[in-house]
C-alpha atoms as a PDB file:
ATOM      1  CA  UNK A   1      -7.370   5.765 -24.218  1.00  0.00           C
ATOM      2  CA  UNK A   2      -5.758   8.383 -21.958  1.00  0.00           C
ATOM      3  CA  UNK A   3      -7.848  10.045 -19.245  1.00  0.00           C
ATOM      4  CA  UNK A   4      -6.637  13.061 -17.265  1.00  0.00           C
ATOM      5  CA  UNK A   5      -8.110  13.291 -13.780  1.00  0.00           C
ATOM      6  CA  UNK A   6      -8.127  16.207 -11.364  1.00  0.00           C
ATOM      7  CA  UNK A   7     -10.686  16.936  -8.668  1.00  0.00           C
ATOM      8  CA  UNK A   8     -10.767  20.624  -9.612  1.00  0.00           C
ATOM      9  CA  UNK A   9     -11.092  20.344 -13.380  1.00  0.00           C
ATOM     10  CA  UNK A  10     -13.240  18.451 -15.879  1.00  0.00           C
ATOM     11  CA  UNK A  11     -12.147  15.051 -17.146  1.00  0.00           C
ATOM     12  CA  UNK A  12     -10.500  14.998 -20.552  1.00  0.00           C
ATOM     13  CA  UNK A  13     -10.498  11.968 -22.799  1.00  0.00           C
ATOM     14  CA  UNK A  14      -8.290  11.379 -25.775  1.00  0.00           C
ATOM     15  CA  UNK A  15      -9.258   9.398 -28.853  1.00  0.00           C
ATOM     16  CA  UNK A  16      -8.937   5.631 -28.873  1.00  0.00           C
ATOM     17  CA  UNK A  17      -5.628   4.307 -30.028  1.00  0.00           C
ATOM     18  CA  UNK A  18      -2.583   2.225 -29.145  1.00  0.00           C
ATOM     19  CA  UNK A  19      -0.801   3.568 -26.065  1.00  0.00           C
ATOM     20  CA  UNK A  20       2.925   4.277 -26.105  1.00  0.00           C
ATOM     21  CA  UNK A  21       3.757   3.315 -22.527  1.00  0.00           C
ATOM     22  CA  UNK A  22       7.468   4.084 -22.866  1.00  0.00           C
ATOM     23  CA  UNK A  23       6.652   7.795 -22.452  1.00  0.00           C
ATOM     24  CA  UNK A  24       5.345   7.170 -18.944  1.00  0.00           C
ATOM     25  CA  UNK A  25       7.163   4.019 -17.805  1.00  0.00           C
ATOM     26  CA  UNK A  26      10.958   3.744 -17.564  1.00  0.00           C
ATOM     27  CA  UNK A  27      13.181   0.822 -16.603  1.00  0.00           C
ATOM     28  CA  UNK A  28      13.552   0.594 -12.827  1.00  0.00           C
ATOM     29  CA  UNK A  29      10.482   2.761 -12.137  1.00  0.00           C
ATOM     30  CA  UNK A  30       8.564   1.859  -8.976  1.00  0.00           C
ATOM     31  CA  UNK A  31       4.993   0.733  -9.612  1.00  0.00           C
ATOM     32  CA  UNK A  32       2.391  -0.150  -6.992  1.00  0.00           C
ATOM     33  CA  UNK A  33       0.076  -2.993  -7.943  1.00  0.00           C
ATOM     34  CA  UNK A  34      -3.410  -2.683  -6.453  1.00  0.00           C
ATOM     35  CA  UNK A  35      -5.310  -5.977  -6.451  1.00  0.00           C
ATOM     36  CA  UNK A  36      -8.674  -5.332  -8.153  1.00  0.00           C
ATOM     37  CA  UNK A  37     -10.069  -8.802  -7.462  1.00  0.00           C
ATOM     38  CA  UNK A  38     -13.774  -8.875  -6.639  1.00  0.00           C
ATOM     39  CA  UNK A  39     -13.159 -11.628  -4.078  1.00  0.00           C
ATOM     40  CA  UNK A  40     -12.221  -9.120  -1.344  1.00  0.00           C
ATOM     41  CA  UNK A  41     -13.983  -5.802  -2.073  1.00  0.00           C
ATOM     42  CA  UNK A  42     -13.634  -4.636   1.564  1.00  0.00           C
ATOM     43  CA  UNK A  43      -9.841  -4.874   1.541  1.00  0.00           C
ATOM     44  CA  UNK A  44      -7.056  -2.699   0.211  1.00  0.00           C
ATOM     45  CA  UNK A  45      -4.178  -4.878  -1.020  1.00  0.00           C
ATOM     46  CA  UNK A  46      -1.087  -3.636  -2.816  1.00  0.00           C
ATOM     47  CA  UNK A  47       2.388  -4.888  -3.618  1.00  0.00           C
ATOM     48  CA  UNK A  48       5.478  -3.032  -4.768  1.00  0.00           C
ATOM     49  CA  UNK A  49       7.123  -3.762  -8.092  1.00  0.00           C
ATOM     50  CA  UNK A  50       9.739  -2.330 -10.427  1.00  0.00           C
ATOM     51  CA  UNK A  51       9.555  -2.030 -14.183  1.00  0.00           C
ATOM     52  CA  UNK A  52      11.786  -4.434 -16.056  1.00  0.00           C
ATOM     53  CA  UNK A  53      10.542  -3.710 -19.580  1.00  0.00           C
ATOM     54  CA  UNK A  54       7.404  -2.585 -21.364  1.00  0.00           C
ATOM     55  CA  UNK A  55       6.023  -2.910 -24.875  1.00  0.00           C
ATOM     56  CA  UNK A  56       2.705  -1.926 -26.397  1.00  0.00           C
ATOM     57  CA  UNK A  57       1.432  -5.415 -25.555  1.00  0.00           C
ATOM     58  CA  UNK A  58       2.743  -6.138 -22.067  1.00  0.00           C
ATOM     59  CA  UNK A  59       4.532  -4.730 -19.006  1.00  0.00           C
ATOM     60  CA  UNK A  60       7.081  -6.896 -17.153  1.00  0.00           C
ATOM     61  CA  UNK A  61       7.493  -6.214 -13.429  1.00  0.00           C
ATOM     62  CA  UNK A  62       9.912  -7.587 -10.837  1.00  0.00           C
ATOM     63  CA  UNK A  63       9.114  -7.835  -7.128  1.00  0.00           C
ATOM     64  CA  UNK A  64      11.428  -6.763  -4.256  1.00  0.00           C
ATOM     65  CA  UNK A  65      10.291  -9.556  -1.920  1.00  0.00           C
ATOM     66  CA  UNK A  66      11.811 -12.943  -1.183  1.00  0.00           C
ATOM     67  CA  UNK A  67      10.883 -15.175  -4.118  1.00  0.00           C
ATOM     68  CA  UNK A  68      12.228 -18.721  -4.032  1.00  0.00           C
ATOM     69  CA  UNK A  69       9.628 -20.496  -6.153  1.00  0.00           C
ATOM     70  CA  UNK A  70       7.038 -19.421  -8.726  1.00  0.00           C
ATOM     71  CA  UNK A  71       4.225 -20.228  -6.278  1.00  0.00           C
ATOM     72  CA  UNK A  72       5.589 -17.574  -3.888  1.00  0.00           C
ATOM     73  CA  UNK A  73       3.768 -15.065  -6.111  1.00  0.00           C
ATOM     74  CA  UNK A  74       0.222 -15.546  -4.772  1.00  0.00           C
ATOM     75  CA  UNK A  75      -1.731 -14.443  -7.833  1.00  0.00           C
ATOM     76  CA  UNK A  76      -3.241 -16.518 -10.630  1.00  0.00           C
ATOM     77  CA  UNK A  77      -3.189 -15.596 -14.328  1.00  0.00           C
ATOM     78  CA  UNK A  78      -6.133 -13.338 -15.071  1.00  0.00           C
ATOM     79  CA  UNK A  79      -5.923 -11.462 -11.758  1.00  0.00           C
ATOM     80  CA  UNK A  80      -6.807  -7.822 -12.407  1.00  0.00           C
ATOM     81  CA  UNK A  81      -4.563  -5.046 -11.076  1.00  0.00           C
ATOM     82  CA  UNK A  82      -4.435  -1.278 -11.089  1.00  0.00           C
ATOM     83  CA  UNK A  83      -0.887  -0.055 -11.760  1.00  0.00           C
ATOM     84  CA  UNK A  84      -0.030   3.152  -9.861  1.00  0.00           C
ATOM     85  CA  UNK A  85       3.070   5.262 -10.380  1.00  0.00           C
ATOM     86  CA  UNK A  86       4.363   8.790 -11.016  1.00  0.00           C
ATOM     87  CA  UNK A  87       5.489  10.366 -14.277  1.00  0.00           C
ATOM     88  CA  UNK A  88       5.969  13.880 -15.585  1.00  0.00           C
ATOM     89  CA  UNK A  89       5.148  15.304 -12.152  1.00  0.00           C
ATOM     90  CA  UNK A  90       1.739  13.616 -11.982  1.00  0.00           C
ATOM     91  CA  UNK A  91       0.253  10.379 -10.759  1.00  0.00           C
ATOM     92  CA  UNK A  92      -0.578   7.757 -13.375  1.00  0.00           C
ATOM     93  CA  UNK A  93      -2.666   4.631 -13.232  1.00  0.00           C
ATOM     94  CA  UNK A  94      -3.974   2.000 -15.584  1.00  0.00           C
ATOM     95  CA  UNK A  95      -5.562  -1.391 -15.223  1.00  0.00           C
ATOM     96  CA  UNK A  96      -4.324  -4.689 -16.562  1.00  0.00           C
ATOM     97  CA  UNK A  97      -4.363  -8.386 -15.785  1.00  0.00           C
ATOM     98  CA  UNK A  98      -1.669 -10.904 -14.948  1.00  0.00           C
ATOM     99  CA  UNK A  99      -0.894 -12.700 -18.198  1.00  0.00           C
ATOM    100  CA  UNK A 100       1.756 -15.079 -16.857  1.00  0.00           C
ATOM    101  CA  UNK A 101       4.715 -15.496 -14.504  1.00  0.00           C
ATOM    102  CA  UNK A 102       7.891 -15.323 -16.598  1.00  0.00           C
ATOM    103  CA  UNK A 103      10.743 -17.346 -15.165  1.00  0.00           C
ATOM    104  CA  UNK A 104      10.549 -17.438 -11.379  1.00  0.00           C
ATOM    105  CA  UNK A 105       9.688 -13.892 -10.365  1.00  0.00           C
ATOM    106  CA  UNK A 106       8.606 -11.651 -13.263  1.00  0.00           C
ATOM    107  CA  UNK A 107       4.935 -10.703 -13.484  1.00  0.00           C
ATOM    108  CA  UNK A 108       3.859 -10.043 -17.081  1.00  0.00           C
ATOM    109  CA  UNK A 109       0.888  -7.675 -17.106  1.00  0.00           C
ATOM    110  CA  UNK A 110      -1.411  -7.217 -20.097  1.00  0.00           C
ATOM    111  CA  UNK A 111      -2.523  -3.539 -20.038  1.00  0.00           C
ATOM    112  CA  UNK A 112      -6.138  -2.578 -20.736  1.00  0.00           C
ATOM    113  CA  UNK A 113      -5.365   0.747 -22.490  1.00  0.00           C
ATOM    114  CA  UNK A 114      -7.261   2.869 -19.940  1.00  0.00           C
ATOM    115  CA  UNK A 115      -4.431   4.965 -18.522  1.00  0.00           C
ATOM    116  CA  UNK A 116      -5.330   7.929 -16.284  1.00  0.00           C
ATOM    117  CA  UNK A 117      -3.247  10.910 -15.210  1.00  0.00           C
ATOM    118  CA  UNK A 118      -4.168  12.676 -11.980  1.00  0.00           C
ATOM    119  CA  UNK A 119      -2.975  15.099  -9.322  1.00  0.00           C
ATOM    120  CA  UNK A 120      -1.935  12.889  -6.397  1.00  0.00           C
ATOM    121  CA  UNK A 121      -3.381  13.919  -3.041  1.00  0.00           C
ATOM    122  CA  UNK A 122      -1.646  12.784   0.110  1.00  0.00           C
ATOM    123  CA  UNK A 123      -3.585  11.482   3.062  1.00  0.00           C
ATOM    124  CA  UNK A 124      -3.783  13.669   6.137  1.00  0.00           C
ATOM    125  CA  UNK A 125      -1.229  12.539   8.725  1.00  0.00           C
ATOM    126  CA  UNK A 126      -0.503  13.405  12.338  1.00  0.00           C
ATOM    127  CA  UNK A 127       1.925  12.665  15.159  1.00  0.00           C
ATOM    128  CA  UNK A 128       0.070  10.879  17.972  1.00  0.00           C
ATOM    129  CA  UNK A 129       0.328   8.164  20.593  1.00  0.00           C
ATOM    130  CA  UNK A 130      -1.160   4.795  19.653  1.00  0.00           C
ATOM    131  CA  UNK A 131      -0.730   1.210  20.766  1.00  0.00           C
ATOM    132  CA  UNK A 132       1.600  -0.698  18.441  1.00  0.00           C
ATOM    133  CA  UNK A 133       2.764  -4.289  18.207  1.00  0.00           C
ATOM    134  CA  UNK A 134       4.951  -5.270  15.237  1.00  0.00           C
ATOM    135  CA  UNK A 135       5.517  -8.912  14.300  1.00  0.00           C
ATOM    136  CA  UNK A 136       8.617  -9.349  12.169  1.00  0.00           C
ATOM    137  CA  UNK A 137      10.484 -12.320  10.746  1.00  0.00           C
ATOM    138  CA  UNK A 138      11.380 -14.111   7.546  1.00  0.00           C
ATOM    139  CA  UNK A 139       8.654 -15.048   5.113  1.00  0.00           C
ATOM    140  CA  UNK A 140       7.366 -14.609   1.599  1.00  0.00           C
ATOM    141  CA  UNK A 141       4.557 -12.422   0.325  1.00  0.00           C
ATOM    142  CA  UNK A 142       2.342 -15.503   0.189  1.00  0.00           C
ATOM    143  CA  UNK A 143       3.042 -16.555   3.795  1.00  0.00           C
ATOM    144  CA  UNK A 144       2.547 -13.025   5.136  1.00  0.00           C
ATOM    145  CA  UNK A 145      -0.783 -12.688   3.300  1.00  0.00           C
ATOM    146  CA  UNK A 146      -1.854 -15.979   4.902  1.00  0.00           C
ATOM    147  CA  UNK A 147      -0.793 -14.740   8.350  1.00  0.00           C
ATOM    148  CA  UNK A 148      -2.768 -11.512   7.888  1.00  0.00           C
ATOM    149  CA  UNK A 149      -5.918 -13.397   6.892  1.00  0.00           C
ATOM    150  CA  UNK A 150      -5.495 -15.779   9.835  1.00  0.00           C
ATOM    151  CA  UNK A 151      -5.029 -12.832  12.213  1.00  0.00           C
ATOM    152  CA  UNK A 152      -8.260 -11.223  10.981  1.00  0.00           C
ATOM    153  CA  UNK A 153     -10.194 -14.445  11.590  1.00  0.00           C
ATOM    154  CA  UNK A 154      -8.716 -14.759  15.083  1.00  0.00           C
ATOM    155  CA  UNK A 155      -9.602 -11.146  15.815  1.00  0.00           C
ATOM    156  CA  UNK A 156     -13.214 -11.725  14.750  1.00  0.00           C
ATOM    157  CA  UNK A 157     -13.372 -14.858  16.907  1.00  0.00           C
ATOM    158  CA  UNK A 158     -11.913 -13.080  19.933  1.00  0.00           C
ATOM    159  CA  UNK A 159      -8.896 -15.394  20.087  1.00  0.00           C
ATOM    160  CA  UNK A 160      -6.247 -13.148  18.570  1.00  0.00           C
ATOM    161  CA  UNK A 161      -4.539 -12.103  21.809  1.00  0.00           C
ATOM    162  CA  UNK A 162      -3.772 -13.713  25.158  1.00  0.00           C
ATOM    163  CA  UNK A 163      -5.480 -12.349  28.298  1.00  0.00           C
ATOM    164  CA  UNK A 164      -3.993  -9.043  29.397  1.00  0.00           C
ATOM    165  CA  UNK A 165      -2.236  -8.412  26.085  1.00  0.00           C
ATOM    166  CA  UNK A 166      -1.635  -4.712  25.485  1.00  0.00           C
ATOM    167  CA  UNK A 167       0.447  -3.240  22.653  1.00  0.00           C
ATOM    168  CA  UNK A 168       3.167  -0.740  23.569  1.00  0.00           C
ATOM    169  CA  UNK A 169       1.957   2.876  23.593  1.00  0.00           C
ATOM    170  CA  UNK A 170       4.382   4.959  21.534  1.00  0.00           C
ATOM    171  CA  UNK A 171       4.404   8.126  19.447  1.00  0.00           C
ATOM    172  CA  UNK A 172       4.061   7.527  15.718  1.00  0.00           C
ATOM    173  CA  UNK A 173       3.234   9.425  12.558  1.00  0.00           C
ATOM    174  CA  UNK A 174       0.012   7.949  11.226  1.00  0.00           C
ATOM    175  CA  UNK A 175      -2.153   8.242   8.125  1.00  0.00           C
ATOM    176  CA  UNK A 176      -4.712   6.036   6.402  1.00  0.00           C
ATOM    177  CA  UNK A 177      -1.924   4.993   4.043  1.00  0.00           C
ATOM    178  CA  UNK A 178       0.718   3.934   6.540  1.00  0.00           C
ATOM    179  CA  UNK A 179       2.668   4.590   9.711  1.00  0.00           C
ATOM    180  CA  UNK A 180       6.159   5.770  10.644  1.00  0.00           C
ATOM    181  CA  UNK A 181       7.502   4.016  13.742  1.00  0.00           C
ATOM    182  CA  UNK A 182      10.839   3.264  15.451  1.00  0.00           C
ATOM    183  CA  UNK A 183      12.095  -0.236  14.634  1.00  0.00           C
ATOM    184  CA  UNK A 184      14.772  -2.322  16.308  1.00  0.00           C
ATOM    185  CA  UNK A 185      16.678  -4.154  14.991  1.00  0.00           C
ATOM    186  CA  UNK A 186      16.856  -1.973  11.858  1.00  0.00           C
ATOM    187  CA  UNK A 187      14.618  -2.942   8.944  1.00  0.00           C
ATOM    188  CA  UNK A 188      15.480  -3.317   5.269  1.00  0.00           C
ATOM    189  CA  UNK A 189      13.540  -1.736   2.413  1.00  0.00           C
ATOM    190  CA  UNK A 190      10.719  -4.038   1.204  1.00  0.00           C
ATOM    191  CA  UNK A 191      10.720  -5.976   4.493  1.00  0.00           C
ATOM    192  CA  UNK A 192       7.226  -7.233   5.314  1.00  0.00           C
ATOM    193  CA  UNK A 193       5.704  -7.294   8.788  1.00  0.00           C
ATOM    194  CA  UNK A 194       2.364  -7.545  10.563  1.00  0.00           C
ATOM    195  CA  UNK A 195       1.385  -4.495  12.603  1.00  0.00           C
ATOM    196  CA  UNK A 196      -1.343  -4.313  15.220  1.00  0.00           C
ATOM    197  CA  UNK A 197      -2.656  -0.821  16.006  1.00  0.00           C
ATOM    198  CA  UNK A 198      -4.872   0.355  18.833  1.00  0.00           C
ATOM    199  CA  UNK A 199      -5.906   3.888  17.898  1.00  0.00           C
ATOM    200  CA  UNK A 200      -8.028   4.298  21.046  1.00  0.00           C
ATOM    201  CA  UNK A 201     -11.269   5.061  19.226  1.00  0.00           C
ATOM    202  CA  UNK A 202     -13.322   2.429  21.046  1.00  0.00           C
ATOM    203  CA  UNK A 203     -13.030  -0.095  18.221  1.00  0.00           C
ATOM    204  CA  UNK A 204     -11.119  -3.341  17.860  1.00  0.00           C
ATOM    205  CA  UNK A 205      -7.390  -3.253  17.171  1.00  0.00           C
ATOM    206  CA  UNK A 206      -6.416  -2.814  13.517  1.00  0.00           C
ATOM    207  CA  UNK A 207      -4.246  -5.456  11.878  1.00  0.00           C
ATOM    208  CA  UNK A 208      -2.329  -4.490   8.748  1.00  0.00           C
ATOM    209  CA  UNK A 209       0.218  -6.208   6.565  1.00  0.00           C
ATOM    210  CA  UNK A 210       2.917  -3.579   6.066  1.00  0.00           C
ATOM    211  CA  UNK A 211       5.929  -3.013   3.825  1.00  0.00           C
ATOM    212  CA  UNK A 212       8.962  -0.933   4.761  1.00  0.00           C
ATOM    213  CA  UNK A 213       9.272   1.773   2.098  1.00  0.00           C
ATOM    214  CA  UNK A 214      11.845   4.067   3.716  1.00  0.00           C
ATOM    215  CA  UNK A 215      14.165   4.041   6.722  1.00  0.00           C
ATOM    216  CA  UNK A 216      16.072   6.794   8.514  1.00  0.00           C
ATOM    217  CA  UNK A 217      18.780   6.274  11.152  1.00  0.00           C
ATOM    218  CA  UNK A 218      19.232   8.935  13.852  1.00  0.00           C
ATOM    219  CA  UNK A 219      22.573   9.947  15.340  1.00  0.00           C
ATOM    220  CA  UNK A 220      21.730   7.857  18.411  1.00  0.00           C
ATOM    221  CA  UNK A 221      21.378   4.747  16.258  1.00  0.00           C
ATOM    222  CA  UNK A 222      17.573   4.549  16.458  1.00  0.00           C
ATOM    223  CA  UNK A 223      15.865   3.728  13.169  1.00  0.00           C
ATOM    224  CA  UNK A 224      12.545   5.239  12.143  1.00  0.00           C
ATOM    225  CA  UNK A 225      10.866   3.346   9.309  1.00  0.00           C
ATOM    226  CA  UNK A 226       7.979   4.282   7.044  1.00  0.00           C
ATOM    227  CA  UNK A 227       5.561   1.370   6.680  1.00  0.00           C
ATOM    228  CA  UNK A 228       3.011   1.380   3.875  1.00  0.00           C
ATOM    229  CA  UNK A 229      -0.196  -0.555   4.468  1.00  0.00           C
ATOM    230  CA  UNK A 230       0.074  -3.355   1.909  1.00  0.00           C
ATOM    231  CA  UNK A 231      -3.068  -5.149   3.062  1.00  0.00           C
ATOM    232  CA  UNK A 232      -5.686  -3.582   5.337  1.00  0.00           C
ATOM    233  CA  UNK A 233      -9.450  -3.376   5.653  1.00  0.00           C
ATOM    234  CA  UNK A 234     -10.909  -0.268   3.986  1.00  0.00           C
ATOM    235  CA  UNK A 235     -13.130   0.343   7.025  1.00  0.00           C
ATOM    236  CA  UNK A 236      -9.990   0.479   9.189  1.00  0.00           C
ATOM    237  CA  UNK A 237      -8.452   3.061   6.849  1.00  0.00           C
ATOM    238  CA  UNK A 238     -11.544   5.206   7.347  1.00  0.00           C
ATOM    239  CA  UNK A 239     -11.209   4.819  11.128  1.00  0.00           C
ATOM    240  CA  UNK A 240      -7.595   5.915  10.960  1.00  0.00           C
ATOM    241  CA  UNK A 241      -8.440   8.908   8.791  1.00  0.00           C
ATOM    242  CA  UNK A 242     -11.138   9.991  11.257  1.00  0.00           C
ATOM    243  CA  UNK A 243      -8.682   9.630  14.157  1.00  0.00           C
ATOM    244  CA  UNK A 244      -6.047  11.680  12.336  1.00  0.00           C
ATOM    245  CA  UNK A 245      -8.563  14.445  11.651  1.00  0.00           C
ATOM    246  CA  UNK A 246      -9.573  14.521  15.327  1.00  0.00           C
ATOM    247  CA  UNK A 247      -5.925  14.741  16.382  1.00  0.00           C
ATOM    248  CA  UNK A 248      -5.158  17.561  13.956  1.00  0.00           C
ATOM    249  CA  UNK A 249      -8.162  19.496  15.224  1.00  0.00           C
ATOM    250  CA  UNK A 250      -6.926  19.047  18.821  1.00  0.00           C
ATOM    251  CA  UNK A 251      -3.616  20.529  17.666  1.00  0.00           C
ATOM    252  CA  UNK A 252      -5.497  23.596  16.437  1.00  0.00           C
ATOM    253  CA  UNK A 253      -5.299  22.874  12.747  1.00  0.00           C
ATOM    254  CA  UNK A 254      -8.202  23.765  10.487  1.00  0.00           C
ATOM    255  CA  UNK A 255      -8.851  20.520   8.642  1.00  0.00           C
ATOM    256  CA  UNK A 256     -11.756  19.560   6.451  1.00  0.00           C
ATOM    257  CA  UNK A 257     -13.085  16.117   5.585  1.00  0.00           C
ATOM    258  CA  UNK A 258     -11.644  14.888   2.324  1.00  0.00           C
ATOM    259  CA  UNK A 259     -13.149  11.980   0.461  1.00  0.00           C
ATOM    260  CA  UNK A 260     -10.107   9.951  -0.564  1.00  0.00           C
ATOM    261  CA  UNK A 261      -9.941   7.460  -3.347  1.00  0.00           C
ATOM    262  CA  UNK A 262      -8.232   4.872  -1.193  1.00  0.00           C
ATOM    263  CA  UNK A 263      -6.803   3.151  -4.253  1.00  0.00           C
ATOM    264  CA  UNK A 264      -4.699   6.262  -4.985  1.00  0.00           C
ATOM    265  CA  UNK A 265      -2.405   5.221  -2.215  1.00  0.00           C
ATOM    266  CA  UNK A 266      -0.277   7.336   0.060  1.00  0.00           C
ATOM    267  CA  UNK A 267       3.312   6.376  -0.795  1.00  0.00           C
ATOM    268  CA  UNK A 268       4.496   7.312   2.707  1.00  0.00           C
ATOM    269  CA  UNK A 269       6.632  10.195   1.447  1.00  0.00           C
ATOM    270  CA  UNK A 270       7.110  13.184   3.751  1.00  0.00           C
END
């Protein structure tokens, strides 16, 4: 079944039938996988993938991260995902579940034949000064997910930071979907890192697992990198969105509250 979504128009539904995914999915196409597990309903968790092949029965995806063993892919068969991508000038999404890991690093997804087409709306974003600390280093998707979960527990227990710790205050471009910051040494696309943000709203620091999705080198040799939030609490995304709106209003912009479907993720494109 194909569903066409747009906030300004009614929803249209086609008749039931077998989907021909090859019209919308091409080899090498980037696809975001949103974890739809009910175990963590308060979190937003996504990973990047690229289409290897698709049939009417399954979609094979490769991951850009360091994969040395099958267990480096931290998802069990049956895990439900929402697949997000772009095609024909529109956003597309459908749900499916992990059928199996093929070889060492290919995720075979069984689609649920519920594809939707929608007009993608970008999150509001603003240039502002925030406190930032970025922890980088080698690691797999599994180890970084474990570090993020451990950091959240430490934050809740009040043991996350040593006395007097204060992240560096720098100018960034921030949205509820990600952040653009200077990085040194330069980062590679698909590099994972943990980012701590103090947005100065009176709340606790925000800890997000991030993925580098673009990088730009200035003439002076300074790299600015776009980091997509790969794993973050939904409540923290709302805090960021509120902060961005306040900043835009201070800059004299006429902005209105927009209720975002956080699963239709900002791809950090400018």
